[in-house]
Amino acid sequence: MQTREQIQVLQKAGLESMAGMAEAVMRGVEQWARLDLQLLRDVTHDGAEAMRATVSARDVPEWIRIQSDNPARAKTGGSGTMPGNRLQLPVPPGRNWPMP
C-alpha cells in the first residue's frame, strides 16, 4: 500500500506533466497563428501589388501581360483559387453528370 507522500508525489508529477503538455500545445498554437498571420500579410500584399499593376495598365496588351505575370495567378494555376479548394463530388457508377 502506498503512503500519502507517495500519492502526493505521483499527483504532483502528473500535474507537472499536464502543465508541460499544455505549454507545448500553446507554443504550437502560437506558431500556427504567427504563420497564419504571415500568410494573410503576404496574400494581401500580393493582391495590392497586382491591383496596382492592373490599374496602371495603359492598354489591353499591357493589361494581358500584367495578368499573365501576376504571382497570385501563378500560385493558383490561373484559376483564382488555391489548389485543393475545388469541390469535386464523386459520380456514382452508371450515372451521368449532372445528376437529375
PDB file of N, CA and C in Angstrom:
ATOM      1  N   MET A   1       0.838  -1.178   0.000  1.00  0.00           N
ATOM      2  CA  MET A   1       0.000   0.000   0.000  1.00  0.00           C
ATOM      3  C   MET A   1       0.888   1.247   0.000  1.00  0.00           C
ATOM      4  N   GLN A   2       0.465   2.241  -0.797  1.00  0.00           N
ATOM      5  CA  GLN A   2       1.273   3.447  -0.911  1.00  0.00           C
ATOM      6  C   GLN A   2       0.958   4.416   0.225  1.00  0.00           C
ATOM      7  N   THR A   3       1.963   5.117   0.588  1.00  0.00           N
ATOM      8  CA  THR A   3       1.775   6.098   1.651  1.00  0.00           C
ATOM      9  C   THR A   3       1.249   7.395   1.058  1.00  0.00           C
ATOM     10  N   ARG A   4       0.796   8.245   1.901  1.00  0.00           N
ATOM     11  CA  ARG A   4       0.252   9.535   1.489  1.00  0.00           C
ATOM     12  C   ARG A   4       1.279  10.360   0.715  1.00  0.00           C
ATOM     13  N   GLU A   5       2.549  10.305   1.154  1.00  0.00           N
ATOM     14  CA  GLU A   5       3.603  11.059   0.476  1.00  0.00           C
ATOM     15  C   GLU A   5       3.827  10.562  -0.940  1.00  0.00           C
ATOM     16  N   GLN A   6       3.774   9.250  -1.133  1.00  0.00           N
ATOM     17  CA  GLN A   6       3.958   8.685  -2.467  1.00  0.00           C
ATOM     18  C   GLN A   6       2.818   9.117  -3.407  1.00  0.00           C
ATOM     19  N   ILE A   7       1.617   9.118  -2.878  1.00  0.00           N
ATOM     20  CA  ILE A   7       0.458   9.546  -3.680  1.00  0.00           C
ATOM     21  C   ILE A   7       0.600  11.011  -4.050  1.00  0.00           C
ATOM     22  N   GLN A   8       1.043  11.839  -3.114  1.00  0.00           N
ATOM     23  CA  GLN A   8       1.225  13.257  -3.393  1.00  0.00           C
ATOM     24  C   GLN A   8       2.312  13.480  -4.447  1.00  0.00           C
ATOM     25  N   VAL A   9       3.384  12.698  -4.378  1.00  0.00           N
ATOM     26  CA  VAL A   9       4.460  12.806  -5.366  1.00  0.00           C
ATOM     27  C   VAL A   9       3.930  12.429  -6.752  1.00  0.00           C
ATOM     28  N   LEU A  10       3.151  11.364  -6.841  1.00  0.00           N
ATOM     29  CA  LEU A  10       2.569  10.946  -8.119  1.00  0.00           C
ATOM     30  C   LEU A  10       1.610  12.003  -8.662  1.00  0.00           C
ATOM     31  N   GLN A  11       0.791  12.579  -7.795  1.00  0.00           N
ATOM     32  CA  GLN A  11      -0.137  13.623  -8.232  1.00  0.00           C
ATOM     33  C   GLN A  11       0.622  14.849  -8.733  1.00  0.00           C
ATOM     34  N   LYS A  12       1.661  15.232  -8.019  1.00  0.00           N
ATOM     35  CA  LYS A  12       2.452  16.388  -8.425  1.00  0.00           C
ATOM     36  C   LYS A  12       3.123  16.128  -9.777  1.00  0.00           C
ATOM     37  N   ALA A  13       3.663  14.931  -9.980  1.00  0.00           N
ATOM     38  CA  ALA A  13       4.304  14.579 -11.249  1.00  0.00           C
ATOM     39  C   ALA A  13       3.277  14.600 -12.387  1.00  0.00           C
ATOM     40  N   GLY A  14       2.076  14.113 -12.111  1.00  0.00           N
ATOM     41  CA  GLY A  14       1.017  14.139 -13.128  1.00  0.00           C
ATOM     42  C   GLY A  14       0.630  15.559 -13.506  1.00  0.00           C
ATOM     43  N   LEU A  15       0.515  16.439 -12.517  1.00  0.00           N
ATOM     44  CA  LEU A  15       0.171  17.839 -12.788  1.00  0.00           C
ATOM     45  C   LEU A  15       1.276  18.532 -13.564  1.00  0.00           C
ATOM     46  N   GLU A  16       2.528  18.270 -13.204  1.00  0.00           N
ATOM     47  CA  GLU A  16       3.652  18.872 -13.927  1.00  0.00           C
ATOM     48  C   GLU A  16       3.684  18.393 -15.373  1.00  0.00           C
ATOM     49  N   SER A  17       3.393  17.113 -15.572  1.00  0.00           N
ATOM     50  CA  SER A  17       3.363  16.564 -16.927  1.00  0.00           C
ATOM     51  C   SER A  17       2.252  17.212 -17.754  1.00  0.00           C
ATOM     52  N   MET A  18       1.076  17.370 -17.165  1.00  0.00           N
ATOM     53  CA  MET A  18      -0.043  18.013 -17.882  1.00  0.00           C
ATOM     54  C   MET A  18       0.265  19.469 -18.175  1.00  0.00           C
ATOM     55  N   ALA A  19       0.920  20.156 -17.250  1.00  0.00           N
ATOM     56  CA  ALA A  19       1.291  21.553 -17.476  1.00  0.00           C
ATOM     57  C   ALA A  19       2.301  21.651 -18.612  1.00  0.00           C
ATOM     58  N   GLY A  20       3.240  20.732 -18.672  1.00  0.00           N
ATOM     59  CA  GLY A  20       4.213  20.713 -19.763  1.00  0.00           C
ATOM     60  C   GLY A  20       3.557  20.468 -21.109  1.00  0.00           C
ATOM     61  N   MET A  21       2.595  19.550 -21.145  1.00  0.00           N
ATOM     62  CA  MET A  21       1.883  19.295 -22.404  1.00  0.00           C
ATOM     63  C   MET A  21       1.060  20.506 -22.824  1.00  0.00           C
ATOM     64  N   ALA A  22       0.401  21.143 -21.878  1.00  0.00           N
ATOM     65  CA  ALA A  22      -0.394  22.330 -22.192  1.00  0.00           C
ATOM     66  C   ALA A  22       0.496  23.440 -22.732  1.00  0.00           C
ATOM     67  N   GLU A  23       1.688  23.577 -22.149  1.00  0.00           N
ATOM     68  CA  GLU A  23       2.633  24.596 -22.628  1.00  0.00           C
ATOM     69  C   GLU A  23       3.078  24.299 -24.055  1.00  0.00           C
ATOM     70  N   ALA A  24       3.345  23.030 -24.351  1.00  0.00           N
ATOM     71  CA  ALA A  24       3.757  22.645 -25.704  1.00  0.00           C
ATOM     72  C   ALA A  24       2.629  22.902 -26.706  1.00  0.00           C
ATOM     73  N   VAL A  25       1.407  22.608 -26.323  1.00  0.00           N
ATOM     74  CA  VAL A  25       0.264  22.860 -27.201  1.00  0.00           C
ATOM     75  C   VAL A  25       0.122  24.351 -27.466  1.00  0.00           C
ATOM     76  N   MET A  26       0.271  25.164 -26.436  1.00  0.00           N
ATOM     77  CA  MET A  26       0.152  26.614 -26.610  1.00  0.00           C
ATOM     78  C   MET A  26       1.251  27.165 -27.516  1.00  0.00           C
ATOM     79  N   ARG A  27       2.463  26.633 -27.405  1.00  0.00           N
ATOM     80  CA  ARG A  27       3.542  27.059 -28.314  1.00  0.00           C
ATOM     81  C   ARG A  27       3.180  26.722 -29.751  1.00  0.00           C
ATOM     82  N   GLY A  28       2.602  25.543 -29.969  1.00  0.00           N
ATOM     83  CA  GLY A  28       2.180  25.144 -31.310  1.00  0.00           C
ATOM     84  C   GLY A  28       1.083  26.047 -31.852  1.00  0.00           C
ATOM     85  N   VAL A  29       0.127  26.394 -31.006  1.00  0.00           N
ATOM     86  CA  VAL A  29      -0.961  27.281 -31.425  1.00  0.00           C
ATOM     87  C   VAL A  29      -0.421  28.665 -31.745  1.00  0.00           C
ATOM     88  N   GLU A  30       0.498  29.155 -30.944  1.00  0.00           N
ATOM     89  CA  GLU A  30       1.101  30.468 -31.201  1.00  0.00           C
ATOM     90  C   GLU A  30       1.852  30.468 -32.533  1.00  0.00           C
ATOM     91  N   GLN A  31       2.608  29.404 -32.795  1.00  0.00           N
ATOM     92  CA  GLN A  31       3.343  29.326 -34.055  1.00  0.00           C
ATOM     93  C   GLN A  31       2.377  29.241 -35.232  1.00  0.00           C
ATOM     94  N   TRP A  32       1.315  28.482 -35.093  1.00  0.00           N
ATOM     95  CA  TRP A  32       0.302  28.351 -36.137  1.00  0.00           C
ATOM     96  C   TRP A  32      -0.334  29.714 -36.419  1.00  0.00           C
ATOM     97  N   ALA A  33      -0.682  30.439 -35.386  1.00  0.00           N
ATOM     98  CA  ALA A  33      -1.279  31.767 -35.557  1.00  0.00           C
ATOM     99  C   ALA A  33      -0.297  32.721 -36.224  1.00  0.00           C
ATOM    100  N   ARG A  34       0.977  32.652 -35.828  1.00  0.00           N
ATOM    101  CA  ARG A  34       2.003  33.501 -36.434  1.00  0.00           C
ATOM    102  C   ARG A  34       2.132  33.216 -37.929  1.00  0.00           C
ATOM    103  N   LEU A  35       2.160  31.945 -38.295  1.00  0.00           N
ATOM    104  CA  LEU A  35       2.259  31.573 -39.705  1.00  0.00           C
ATOM    105  C   LEU A  35       1.013  31.982 -40.477  1.00  0.00           C
ATOM    106  N   ASP A  36      -0.146  31.838 -39.850  1.00  0.00           N
ATOM    107  CA  ASP A  36      -1.400  32.225 -40.492  1.00  0.00           C
ATOM    108  C   ASP A  36      -1.422  33.731 -40.758  1.00  0.00           C
ATOM    109  N   LEU A  37      -0.983  34.521 -39.795  1.00  0.00           N
ATOM    110  CA  LEU A  37      -0.927  35.974 -39.988  1.00  0.00           C
ATOM    111  C   LEU A  37       0.080  36.358 -41.070  1.00  0.00           C
ATOM    112  N   GLN A  38       1.208  35.660 -41.121  1.00  0.00           N
ATOM    113  CA  GLN A  38       2.197  35.937 -42.164  1.00  0.00           C
ATOM    114  C   GLN A  38       1.606  35.629 -43.537  1.00  0.00           C
ATOM    115  N   LEU A  39       0.876  34.533 -43.643  1.00  0.00           N
ATOM    116  CA  LEU A  39       0.224  34.187 -44.902  1.00  0.00           C
ATOM    117  C   LEU A  39      -0.771  35.263 -45.310  1.00  0.00           C
ATOM    118  N   LEU A  40      -1.570  35.730 -44.364  1.00  0.00           N
ATOM    119  CA  LEU A  40      -2.545  36.784 -44.669  1.00  0.00           C
ATOM    120  C   LEU A  40      -1.853  38.065 -45.121  1.00  0.00           C
ATOM    121  N   ARG A  41      -0.741  38.422 -44.461  1.00  0.00           N
ATOM    122  CA  ARG A  41       0.017  39.610 -44.878  1.00  0.00           C
ATOM    123  C   ARG A  41       0.550  39.447 -46.295  1.00  0.00           C
ATOM    124  N   ASP A  42       1.108  38.273 -46.597  1.00  0.00           N
ATOM    125  CA  ASP A  42       1.669  38.033 -47.923  1.00  0.00           C
ATOM    126  C   ASP A  42       0.591  38.080 -49.004  1.00  0.00           C
ATOM    127  N   VAL A  43      -0.544  37.445 -48.737  1.00  0.00           N
ATOM    128  CA  VAL A  43      -1.630  37.430 -49.712  1.00  0.00           C
ATOM    129  C   VAL A  43      -2.163  38.837 -49.937  1.00  0.00           C
ATOM    130  N   THR A  44      -2.328  39.598 -48.870  1.00  0.00           N
ATOM    131  CA  THR A  44      -2.816  40.968 -49.001  1.00  0.00           C
ATOM    132  C   THR A  44      -1.826  41.818 -49.774  1.00  0.00           C
ATOM    133  N   HIS A  45      -0.541  41.659 -49.472  1.00  0.00           N
ATOM    134  CA  HIS A  45       0.492  42.420 -50.171  1.00  0.00           C
ATOM    135  C   HIS A  45       0.511  42.063 -51.662  1.00  0.00           C
ATOM    136  N   ASP A  46       0.461  40.758 -51.981  1.00  0.00           N
ATOM    137  CA  ASP A  46       0.451  40.332 -53.378  1.00  0.00           C
ATOM    138  C   ASP A  46      -0.776  40.856 -54.107  1.00  0.00           C
ATOM    139  N   GLY A  47      -1.922  40.816 -53.441  1.00  0.00           N
ATOM    140  CA  GLY A  47      -3.150  41.321 -54.055  1.00  0.00           C
ATOM    141  C   GLY A  47      -3.090  42.808 -54.323  1.00  0.00           C
ATOM    142  N   ALA A  48      -2.538  43.563 -53.373  1.00  0.00           N
ATOM    143  CA  ALA A  48      -2.418  45.009 -53.557  1.00  0.00           C
ATOM    144  C   ALA A  48      -1.465  45.324 -54.703  1.00  0.00           C
ATOM    145  N   GLU A  49      -0.348  44.600 -54.783  1.00  0.00           N
ATOM    146  CA  GLU A  49       0.590  44.820 -55.886  1.00  0.00           C
ATOM    147  C   GLU A  49      -0.048  44.496 -57.225  1.00  0.00           C
ATOM    148  N   ALA A  50      -0.782  43.394 -57.281  1.00  0.00           N
ATOM    149  CA  ALA A  50      -1.449  43.016 -58.537  1.00  0.00           C
ATOM    150  C   ALA A  50      -2.490  44.055 -58.922  1.00  0.00           C
ATOM    151  N   MET A  51      -3.225  44.570 -57.943  1.00  0.00           N
ATOM    152  CA  MET A  51      -4.236  45.581 -58.236  1.00  0.00           C
ATOM    153  C   MET A  51      -3.575  46.856 -58.761  1.00  0.00           C
ATOM    154  N   ARG A  52      -2.496  47.295 -58.110  1.00  0.00           N
ATOM    155  CA  ARG A  52      -1.796  48.499 -58.578  1.00  0.00           C
ATOM    156  C   ARG A  52      -1.278  48.312 -60.000  1.00  0.00           C
ATOM    157  N   ALA A  53      -0.698  47.157 -60.271  1.00  0.00           N
ATOM    158  CA  ALA A  53      -0.170  46.896 -61.610  1.00  0.00           C
ATOM    159  C   ALA A  53      -1.283  46.859 -62.648  1.00  0.00           C
ATOM    160  N   THR A  54      -2.406  46.250 -62.306  1.00  0.00           N
ATOM    161  CA  THR A  54      -3.523  46.163 -63.241  1.00  0.00           C
ATOM    162  C   THR A  54      -4.098  47.532 -63.529  1.00  0.00           C
ATOM    163  N   VAL A  55      -4.238  48.345 -62.502  1.00  0.00           N
ATOM    164  CA  VAL A  55      -4.799  49.684 -62.680  1.00  0.00           C
ATOM    165  C   VAL A  55      -3.847  50.561 -63.491  1.00  0.00           C
ATOM    166  N   SER A  56      -2.546  50.288 -63.397  1.00  0.00           N
ATOM    167  CA  SER A  56      -1.588  51.123 -64.112  1.00  0.00           C
ATOM    168  C   SER A  56      -1.459  50.752 -65.587  1.00  0.00           C
ATOM    169  N   ALA A  57      -2.101  49.680 -66.035  1.00  0.00           N
ATOM    170  CA  ALA A  57      -2.013  49.271 -67.440  1.00  0.00           C
ATOM    171  C   ALA A  57      -2.598  50.353 -68.338  1.00  0.00           C
ATOM    172  N   ARG A  58      -1.899  50.644 -69.423  1.00  0.00           N
ATOM    173  CA  ARG A  58      -2.331  51.725 -70.321  1.00  0.00           C
ATOM    174  C   ARG A  58      -3.118  51.205 -71.510  1.00  0.00           C
ATOM    175  N   ASP A  59      -2.951  49.928 -71.846  1.00  0.00           N
ATOM    176  CA  ASP A  59      -3.694  49.369 -72.977  1.00  0.00           C
ATOM    177  C   ASP A  59      -3.924  47.879 -72.728  1.00  0.00           C
ATOM    178  N   VAL A  60      -4.695  47.247 -73.603  1.00  0.00           N
ATOM    179  CA  VAL A  60      -5.079  45.850 -73.420  1.00  0.00           C
ATOM    180  C   VAL A  60      -3.873  44.912 -73.451  1.00  0.00           C
ATOM    181  N   PRO A  61      -2.938  45.045 -74.401  1.00  0.00           N
ATOM    182  CA  PRO A  61      -1.791  44.133 -74.376  1.00  0.00           C
ATOM    183  C   PRO A  61      -0.983  44.221 -73.073  1.00  0.00           C
ATOM    184  N   GLU A  62      -0.828  45.423 -72.548  1.00  0.00           N
ATOM    185  CA  GLU A  62      -0.107  45.574 -71.273  1.00  0.00           C
ATOM    186  C   GLU A  62      -0.895  44.934 -70.142  1.00  0.00           C
ATOM    187  N   TRP A  63      -2.216  45.109 -70.168  1.00  0.00           N
ATOM    188  CA  TRP A  63      -3.073  44.504 -69.141  1.00  0.00           C
ATOM    189  C   TRP A  63      -2.958  42.980 -69.184  1.00  0.00           C
ATOM    190  N   ILE A  64      -2.962  42.397 -70.394  1.00  0.00           N
ATOM    191  CA  ILE A  64      -2.839  40.936 -70.541  1.00  0.00           C
ATOM    192  C   ILE A  64      -1.477  40.472 -70.020  1.00  0.00           C
ATOM    193  N   ARG A  65      -0.418  41.215 -70.346  1.00  0.00           N
ATOM    194  CA  ARG A  65       0.912  40.853 -69.871  1.00  0.00           C
ATOM    195  C   ARG A  65       0.975  40.882 -68.343  1.00  0.00           C
ATOM    196  N   ILE A  66       0.382  41.926 -67.770  1.00  0.00           N
ATOM    197  CA  ILE A  66       0.377  42.048 -66.303  1.00  0.00           C
ATOM    198  C   ILE A  66      -0.397  40.891 -65.679  1.00  0.00           C
ATOM    199  N   GLN A  67      -1.531  40.535 -66.268  1.00  0.00           N
ATOM    200  CA  GLN A  67      -2.325  39.428 -65.724  1.00  0.00           C
ATOM    201  C   GLN A  67      -1.570  38.111 -65.819  1.00  0.00           C
ATOM    202  N   SER A  68      -0.822  37.902 -66.903  1.00  0.00           N
ATOM    203  CA  SER A  68      -0.091  36.640 -67.046  1.00  0.00           C
ATOM    204  C   SER A  68       1.128  36.593 -66.128  1.00  0.00           C
ATOM    205  N   ASP A  69       1.653  37.764 -65.732  1.00  0.00           N
ATOM    206  CA  ASP A  69       2.804  37.817 -64.823  1.00  0.00           C
ATOM    207  C   ASP A  69       2.396  37.860 -63.356  1.00  0.00           C
ATOM    208  N   ASN A  70       1.109  37.900 -63.078  1.00  0.00           N
ATOM    209  CA  ASN A  70       0.600  38.045 -61.714  1.00  0.00           C
ATOM    210  C   ASN A  70       1.019  36.845 -60.865  1.00  0.00           C
ATOM    211  N   PRO A  71       1.768  37.052 -59.755  1.00  0.00           N
ATOM    212  CA  PRO A  71       2.208  35.928 -58.932  1.00  0.00           C
ATOM    213  C   PRO A  71       1.048  35.180 -58.276  1.00  0.00           C
ATOM    214  N   ALA A  72      -0.048  35.863 -57.999  1.00  0.00           N
ATOM    215  CA  ALA A  72      -1.195  35.184 -57.390  1.00  0.00           C
ATOM    216  C   ALA A  72      -1.787  34.188 -58.373  1.00  0.00           C
ATOM    217  N   ARG A  73      -1.856  34.546 -59.641  1.00  0.00           N
ATOM    218  CA  ARG A  73      -2.384  33.624 -60.647  1.00  0.00           C
ATOM    219  C   ARG A  73      -1.413  32.479 -60.872  1.00  0.00           C
ATOM    220  N   ALA A  74      -0.122  32.746 -60.777  1.00  0.00           N
ATOM    221  CA  ALA A  74       0.868  31.687 -60.963  1.00  0.00           C
ATOM    222  C   ALA A  74       0.764  30.650 -59.846  1.00  0.00           C
ATOM    223  N   LYS A  75       0.501  31.103 -58.615  1.00  0.00           N
ATOM    224  CA  LYS A  75       0.388  30.184 -57.483  1.00  0.00           C
ATOM    225  C   LYS A  75      -0.860  29.323 -57.585  1.00  0.00           C
ATOM    226  N   THR A  76      -1.910  29.844 -58.195  1.00  0.00           N
ATOM    227  CA  THR A  76      -3.172  29.116 -58.250  1.00  0.00           C
ATOM    228  C   THR A  76      -3.390  28.420 -59.575  1.00  0.00           C
ATOM    229  N   GLY A  77      -2.438  28.510 -60.465  1.00  0.00           N
ATOM    230  CA  GLY A  77      -2.616  27.887 -61.759  1.00  0.00           C
ATOM    231  C   GLY A  77      -3.529  28.704 -62.648  1.00  0.00           C
ATOM    232  N   GLY A  78      -3.733  29.978 -62.328  1.00  0.00           N
ATOM    233  CA  GLY A  78      -4.554  30.848 -63.152  1.00  0.00           C
ATOM    234  C   GLY A  78      -6.037  30.729 -62.891  1.00  0.00           C
ATOM    235  N   SER A  79      -6.416  29.938 -61.896  1.00  0.00           N
ATOM    236  CA  SER A  79      -7.838  29.718 -61.660  1.00  0.00           C
ATOM    237  C   SER A  79      -8.443  30.748 -60.723  1.00  0.00           C
ATOM    238  N   GLY A  80      -7.622  31.432 -59.951  1.00  0.00           N
ATOM    239  CA  GLY A  80      -8.130  32.389 -58.979  1.00  0.00           C
ATOM    240  C   GLY A  80      -8.423  31.764 -57.629  1.00  0.00           C
ATOM    241  N   THR A  81      -8.299  30.443 -57.518  1.00  0.00           N
ATOM    242  CA  THR A  81      -8.474  29.774 -56.239  1.00  0.00           C
ATOM    243  C   THR A  81      -7.237  28.946 -55.954  1.00  0.00           C
ATOM    244  N   MET A  82      -6.950  28.729 -54.703  1.00  0.00           N
ATOM    245  CA  MET A  82      -5.776  27.952 -54.337  1.00  0.00           C
ATOM    246  C   MET A  82      -6.018  26.480 -54.684  1.00  0.00           C
ATOM    247  N   PRO A  83      -4.966  25.745 -55.042  1.00  0.00           N
ATOM    248  CA  PRO A  83      -5.132  24.319 -55.342  1.00  0.00           C
ATOM    249  C   PRO A  83      -5.746  23.596 -54.156  1.00  0.00           C
ATOM    250  N   GLY A  84      -6.603  22.655 -54.439  1.00  0.00           N
ATOM    251  CA  GLY A  84      -7.255  21.895 -53.388  1.00  0.00           C
ATOM    252  C   GLY A  84      -8.543  22.524 -52.906  1.00  0.00           C
ATOM    253  N   ASN A  85      -8.876  23.732 -53.365  1.00  0.00           N
ATOM    254  CA  ASN A  85     -10.101  24.386 -52.935  1.00  0.00           C
ATOM    255  C   ASN A  85     -11.270  24.100 -53.876  1.00  0.00           C
ATOM    256  N   ARG A  86     -11.048  23.280 -54.865  1.00  0.00           N
ATOM    257  CA  ARG A  86     -12.121  22.967 -55.804  1.00  0.00           C
ATOM    258  C   ARG A  86     -12.946  21.817 -55.255  1.00  0.00           C
ATOM    259  N   LEU A  87     -14.240  21.962 -55.293  1.00  0.00           N
ATOM    260  CA  LEU A  87     -15.135  20.924 -54.812  1.00  0.00           C
ATOM    261  C   LEU A  87     -15.279  19.865 -55.892  1.00  0.00           C
ATOM    262  N   GLN A  88     -14.956  18.633 -55.565  1.00  0.00           N
ATOM    263  CA  GLN A  88     -15.099  17.543 -56.508  1.00  0.00           C
ATOM    264  C   GLN A  88     -16.017  16.504 -55.885  1.00  0.00           C
ATOM    265  N   LEU A  89     -17.185  16.337 -56.482  1.00  0.00           N
ATOM    266  CA  LEU A  89     -18.143  15.371 -55.977  1.00  0.00           C
ATOM    267  C   LEU A  89     -17.985  14.060 -56.727  1.00  0.00           C
ATOM    268  N   PRO A  90     -18.031  12.957 -56.024  1.00  0.00           N
ATOM    269  CA  PRO A  90     -17.934  11.674 -56.728  1.00  0.00           C
ATOM    270  C   PRO A  90     -19.208  11.413 -57.515  1.00  0.00           C
ATOM    271  N   VAL A  91     -19.048  10.837 -58.695  1.00  0.00           N
ATOM    272  CA  VAL A  91     -20.196  10.486 -59.527  1.00  0.00           C
ATOM    273  C   VAL A  91     -20.448   9.001 -59.332  1.00  0.00           C
ATOM    274  N   PRO A  92     -21.661   8.637 -58.888  1.00  0.00           N
ATOM    275  CA  PRO A  92     -21.949   7.219 -58.686  1.00  0.00           C
ATOM    276  C   PRO A  92     -21.826   6.450 -59.999  1.00  0.00           C
ATOM    277  N   PRO A  93     -21.383   5.192 -59.958  1.00  0.00           N
ATOM    278  CA  PRO A  93     -21.267   4.402 -61.182  1.00  0.00           C
ATOM    279  C   PRO A  93     -22.600   4.308 -61.916  1.00  0.00           C
ATOM    280  N   GLY A  94     -22.559   4.380 -63.212  1.00  0.00           N
ATOM    281  CA  GLY A  94     -23.768   4.266 -64.026  1.00  0.00           C
ATOM    282  C   GLY A  94     -24.567   5.549 -64.113  1.00  0.00           C
ATOM    283  N   ARG A  95     -24.099   6.638 -63.544  1.00  0.00           N
ATOM    284  CA  ARG A  95     -24.801   7.927 -63.585  1.00  0.00           C
ATOM    285  C   ARG A  95     -24.062   8.882 -64.481  1.00  0.00           C
ATOM    286  N   ASN A  96     -24.786   9.702 -65.184  1.00  0.00           N
ATOM    287  CA  ASN A  96     -24.187  10.765 -65.970  1.00  0.00           C
ATOM    288  C   ASN A  96     -24.211  12.043 -65.166  1.00  0.00           C
ATOM    289  N   TRP A  97     -23.277  12.901 -65.464  1.00  0.00           N
ATOM    290  CA  TRP A  97     -23.219  14.198 -64.775  1.00  0.00           C
ATOM    291  C   TRP A  97     -23.784  15.241 -65.683  1.00  0.00           C
ATOM    292  N   PRO A  98     -24.574  16.186 -65.291  1.00  0.00           N
ATOM    293  CA  PRO A  98     -25.078  16.385 -63.932  1.00  0.00           C
ATOM    294  C   PRO A  98     -26.204  15.425 -63.603  1.00  0.00           C
ATOM    295  N   MET A  99     -26.288  15.113 -62.346  1.00  0.00           N
ATOM    296  CA  MET A  99     -27.335  14.189 -61.904  1.00  0.00           C
ATOM    297  C   MET A  99     -28.658  14.939 -61.829  1.00  0.00           C
ATOM    298  N   PRO A 100     -29.756  14.262 -62.163  1.00  0.00           N
ATOM    299  CA  PRO A 100     -31.076  14.925 -62.113  1.00  0.00           C
ATOM    300  C   PRO A 100     -31.514  15.224 -60.713  1.00  0.00           C
TER     301      PRO A 100
END
